[in-house]
Amino acid sequence: MTISLVATSHGTDVPAARTAITALVSAVAEASPHLDVREAFVDVQMPRVDTAVDLVDGLAVVVPLLLAPGFHVRVDINDAARRPWAAAAGTLGVDDRLTDVMMRRLAEAGATRDDVVVLAAAGSNDPCAWCSVRRAARLLGEAWGAPVPVGFVGGTGASIGDVVREATAAGRRVVIASYLMAPGFFFDRLHAAGADVVTRPLLDGTTVDPAMVSLVLDRFAEAAEGLDWAAVTPVATR
């Protein structure tokens, strides 16, 4: 019986972001040769997630390569996973492994305990997304040893520019911890927010952190427990 892991990201027209996301999908496939790992998207790129799920030959778990719930999870991904042979996994955040990656990014960027660290995330109009991001900031604050305020790029909520300006008023260096999956439009906007330092995103097209691979595989395993093994429909008859 074939089980497919449909790794589903937002999709982008930024080459660096495409490279970074595809590198994660490739690393997941390399770490789990027993799985059929496929890449899919909810926007911009092809194949769309519903098409990818329809083309699997067996069972499928859709794993969102997204940090927080929101419209694309609630609608696109959940709709695609309503097939009898499919299931949807949870988003990658909130998770201690993401905190660990951000802490390593802060160390690489030369952040010190004298700095004010601000977490920056993609904006959303979904309250569940806000809650998820704020939980991620609390975890980072616990690991960092000081409260970490949150700023958003787009959507509603406090803008990252406003949060940085408020933090700068304390007279200390401000470091943005990038709670973003990959480089691209949102990451570029962080560099215009006025912070002294901006850390790399969780993925950047270089070596994929093993923590990111284990996180994707764990989300897959959690959702795979709910698959209906009796519901497999041969792809030729769908």
Foldseek 3Di string as FASTA:
>chain_A
DAEEEEEEEADDPDVQQVLQVVLLQVVLCVVCVSHHYHYEHCDDDDDHLLVVCLPDFAAYEYAYQDAFDADCVVPRVVVSQPAQRYWYFDHLDDDVLLLVLLVVLCVVQVDDLQEQEEEEEAAHQDPRRVVRVLVSQVSNCVVSVHRYHYAHDDYDDHHLLVVQVVRCVVVTAYEYRYADSEDDDSLVVVVVSPGPYYTHYQTRNDDHDVSSSVSRVVRRVVGVVPRDNVNRDGSVVD
